[in-house]
């Protein structure tokens, strides 16, 4: 299974440690608004490709799932393009800050 990450801070790095023990999982791509953070976390993931734009990552990579590890207020914007591609999304916290926001289909 090839996974990608949107958000590459401390929470993402915590998940990398867990995924490292799963032989059938490889982290293929890491995206963060900070290029330095994306590069650092991609290297920690074993040489994943770093991106600064989630759209570019999703267009360039063949992924089986995506971890969204952004701050909670950015979950919806980060997860929506992943959902639109029909990929499973892992979120630790709610998709949105209100039920109506999470239910929108715009």
C-alpha atoms as a PDB file:
ATOM      1  CA  UNK A   1       0.000   0.000   0.000  1.00  0.00           C
ATOM      2  CA  UNK A   2       1.371   3.403  -1.019  1.00  0.00           C
ATOM      3  CA  UNK A   3       0.354   6.238   1.267  1.00  0.00           C
ATOM      4  CA  UNK A   4       0.786   9.977   1.191  1.00  0.00           C
ATOM      5  CA  UNK A   5       0.727  12.613   3.888  1.00  0.00           C
ATOM      6  CA  UNK A   6      -0.745  16.095   3.769  1.00  0.00           C
ATOM      7  CA  UNK A   7       0.797  17.888   6.712  1.00  0.00           C
ATOM      8  CA  UNK A   8       4.276  16.865   7.780  1.00  0.00           C
ATOM      9  CA  UNK A   9       4.704  18.041  11.365  1.00  0.00           C
ATOM     10  CA  UNK A  10       4.887  16.179  14.648  1.00  0.00           C
ATOM     11  CA  UNK A  11       1.639  14.234  14.209  1.00  0.00           C
ATOM     12  CA  UNK A  12       2.726  12.995  10.776  1.00  0.00           C
ATOM     13  CA  UNK A  13       6.085  11.917  12.160  1.00  0.00           C
ATOM     14  CA  UNK A  14       4.337   9.988  14.903  1.00  0.00           C
ATOM     15  CA  UNK A  15       2.382   8.058  12.266  1.00  0.00           C
ATOM     16  CA  UNK A  16       5.552   7.426  10.261  1.00  0.00           C
ATOM     17  CA  UNK A  17       6.987   5.525  13.210  1.00  0.00           C
ATOM     18  CA  UNK A  18       3.968   3.249  13.323  1.00  0.00           C
ATOM     19  CA  UNK A  19       3.834   2.731   9.564  1.00  0.00           C
ATOM     20  CA  UNK A  20       7.531   1.852   9.469  1.00  0.00           C
ATOM     21  CA  UNK A  21       6.680  -1.417  11.228  1.00  0.00           C
ATOM     22  CA  UNK A  22       4.142  -2.453   8.579  1.00  0.00           C
ATOM     23  CA  UNK A  23       5.889  -4.368   5.785  1.00  0.00           C
ATOM     24  CA  UNK A  24       3.157  -3.836   3.196  1.00  0.00           C
ATOM     25  CA  UNK A  25       3.020  -0.041   3.623  1.00  0.00           C
ATOM     26  CA  UNK A  26       5.328   2.489   2.022  1.00  0.00           C
ATOM     27  CA  UNK A  27       5.147   6.247   2.394  1.00  0.00           C
ATOM     28  CA  UNK A  28       5.433   7.514  -1.157  1.00  0.00           C
ATOM     29  CA  UNK A  29       4.755  11.245  -0.756  1.00  0.00           C
ATOM     30  CA  UNK A  30       4.733  13.951   1.876  1.00  0.00           C
ATOM     31  CA  UNK A  31       3.212  17.399   1.421  1.00  0.00           C
ATOM     32  CA  UNK A  32       3.534  20.458   3.625  1.00  0.00           C
ATOM     33  CA  UNK A  33       3.213  24.202   3.083  1.00  0.00           C
ATOM     34  CA  UNK A  34       6.779  24.502   4.384  1.00  0.00           C
ATOM     35  CA  UNK A  35       9.169  22.983   1.826  1.00  0.00           C
ATOM     36  CA  UNK A  36      11.811  22.387   4.507  1.00  0.00           C
ATOM     37  CA  UNK A  37       9.354  20.467   6.697  1.00  0.00           C
ATOM     38  CA  UNK A  38       8.125  18.443   3.712  1.00  0.00           C
ATOM     39  CA  UNK A  39      11.712  17.544   2.740  1.00  0.00           C
ATOM     40  CA  UNK A  40      12.692  16.625   6.283  1.00  0.00           C
ATOM     41  CA  UNK A  41       9.664  14.415   6.855  1.00  0.00           C
ATOM     42  CA  UNK A  42       9.957  12.820   3.406  1.00  0.00           C
ATOM     43  CA  UNK A  43      13.547  11.893   4.211  1.00  0.00           C
ATOM     44  CA  UNK A  44      12.455  10.450   7.567  1.00  0.00           C
ATOM     45  CA  UNK A  45       9.886   8.385   5.668  1.00  0.00           C
ATOM     46  CA  UNK A  46      12.647   6.644   3.773  1.00  0.00           C
ATOM     47  CA  UNK A  47      12.995   8.895   0.779  1.00  0.00           C
ATOM     48  CA  UNK A  48       9.406   9.753  -0.057  1.00  0.00           C
ATOM     49  CA  UNK A  49       8.854  12.549  -2.555  1.00  0.00           C
ATOM     50  CA  UNK A  50       8.264  15.951  -0.963  1.00  0.00           C
ATOM     51  CA  UNK A  51       5.592  18.359  -2.216  1.00  0.00           C
ATOM     52  CA  UNK A  52       4.479  21.842  -1.269  1.00  0.00           C
ATOM     53  CA  UNK A  53       1.058  21.545  -2.913  1.00  0.00           C
ATOM     54  CA  UNK A  54      -1.471  18.759  -2.211  1.00  0.00           C
ATOM     55  CA  UNK A  55      -2.909  19.023  -5.721  1.00  0.00           C
ATOM     56  CA  UNK A  56       0.500  18.428  -7.253  1.00  0.00           C
ATOM     57  CA  UNK A  57       1.066  15.453  -4.981  1.00  0.00           C
ATOM     58  CA  UNK A  58      -2.288  13.894  -5.820  1.00  0.00           C
ATOM     59  CA  UNK A  59      -1.789  14.484  -9.555  1.00  0.00           C
ATOM     60  CA  UNK A  60       1.711  13.013  -9.576  1.00  0.00           C
ATOM     61  CA  UNK A  61       1.451  10.017  -7.264  1.00  0.00           C
ATOM     62  CA  UNK A  62      -0.474   6.766  -7.423  1.00  0.00           C
ATOM     63  CA  UNK A  63      -1.575   6.481  -3.818  1.00  0.00           C
ATOM     64  CA  UNK A  64      -3.797   3.992  -2.041  1.00  0.00           C
ATOM     65  CA  UNK A  65      -4.601   6.240   0.942  1.00  0.00           C
ATOM     66  CA  UNK A  66      -3.735   9.634   2.407  1.00  0.00           C
ATOM     67  CA  UNK A  67      -3.134  10.733   5.986  1.00  0.00           C
ATOM     68  CA  UNK A  68      -4.326  14.276   6.643  1.00  0.00           C
ATOM     69  CA  UNK A  69      -2.195  15.613   9.487  1.00  0.00           C
ATOM     70  CA  UNK A  70      -2.897  19.319   9.205  1.00  0.00           C
ATOM     71  CA  UNK A  71      -4.216  21.532  11.989  1.00  0.00           C
ATOM     72  CA  UNK A  72      -7.931  20.801  12.568  1.00  0.00           C
ATOM     73  CA  UNK A  73      -9.126  23.977  10.851  1.00  0.00           C
ATOM     74  CA  UNK A  74      -7.453  22.852   7.627  1.00  0.00           C
ATOM     75  CA  UNK A  75      -8.778  19.275   7.591  1.00  0.00           C
ATOM     76  CA  UNK A  76     -11.680  19.878   5.237  1.00  0.00           C
ATOM     77  CA  UNK A  77      -9.644  21.731   2.608  1.00  0.00           C
ATOM     78  CA  UNK A  78      -6.921  19.076   2.731  1.00  0.00           C
ATOM     79  CA  UNK A  79      -9.242  16.069   2.693  1.00  0.00           C
ATOM     80  CA  UNK A  80     -11.720  17.212   0.039  1.00  0.00           C
ATOM     81  CA  UNK A  81      -9.474  16.659  -3.022  1.00  0.00           C
ATOM     82  CA  UNK A  82      -8.497  13.265  -1.650  1.00  0.00           C
ATOM     83  CA  UNK A  83     -12.141  12.258  -1.229  1.00  0.00           C
ATOM     84  CA  UNK A  84     -12.844  13.508  -4.764  1.00  0.00           C
ATOM     85  CA  UNK A  85     -10.271  11.018  -6.059  1.00  0.00           C
ATOM     86  CA  UNK A  86     -12.006   8.212  -4.188  1.00  0.00           C
ATOM     87  CA  UNK A  87      -9.087   7.544  -1.871  1.00  0.00           C
ATOM     88  CA  UNK A  88      -9.401   6.570   1.783  1.00  0.00           C
ATOM     89  CA  UNK A  89      -8.466   9.385   4.181  1.00  0.00           C
ATOM     90  CA  UNK A  90      -7.147   9.030   7.711  1.00  0.00           C
ATOM     91  CA  UNK A  91      -8.097  11.917  10.042  1.00  0.00           C
ATOM     92  CA  UNK A  92      -7.488  11.997  13.785  1.00  0.00           C
ATOM     93  CA  UNK A  93      -9.962  14.755  14.490  1.00  0.00           C
ATOM     94  CA  UNK A  94     -13.258  15.884  12.989  1.00  0.00           C
ATOM     95  CA  UNK A  95     -13.405  16.729   9.311  1.00  0.00           C
ATOM     96  CA  UNK A  96     -14.839  20.175  10.032  1.00  0.00           C
ATOM     97  CA  UNK A  97     -15.604  22.451  12.947  1.00  0.00           C
ATOM     98  CA  UNK A  98     -19.388  22.133  12.473  1.00  0.00           C
ATOM     99  CA  UNK A  99     -21.640  19.400  11.023  1.00  0.00           C
ATOM    100  CA  UNK A 100     -22.931  21.707   8.287  1.00  0.00           C
ATOM    101  CA  UNK A 101     -19.400  22.510   7.099  1.00  0.00           C
ATOM    102  CA  UNK A 102     -18.526  18.812   6.875  1.00  0.00           C
ATOM    103  CA  UNK A 103     -21.738  18.043   4.980  1.00  0.00           C
ATOM    104  CA  UNK A 104     -21.211  20.650   2.240  1.00  0.00           C
ATOM    105  CA  UNK A 105     -20.774  19.332  -1.278  1.00  0.00           C
ATOM    106  CA  UNK A 106     -19.374  22.435  -2.969  1.00  0.00           C
END
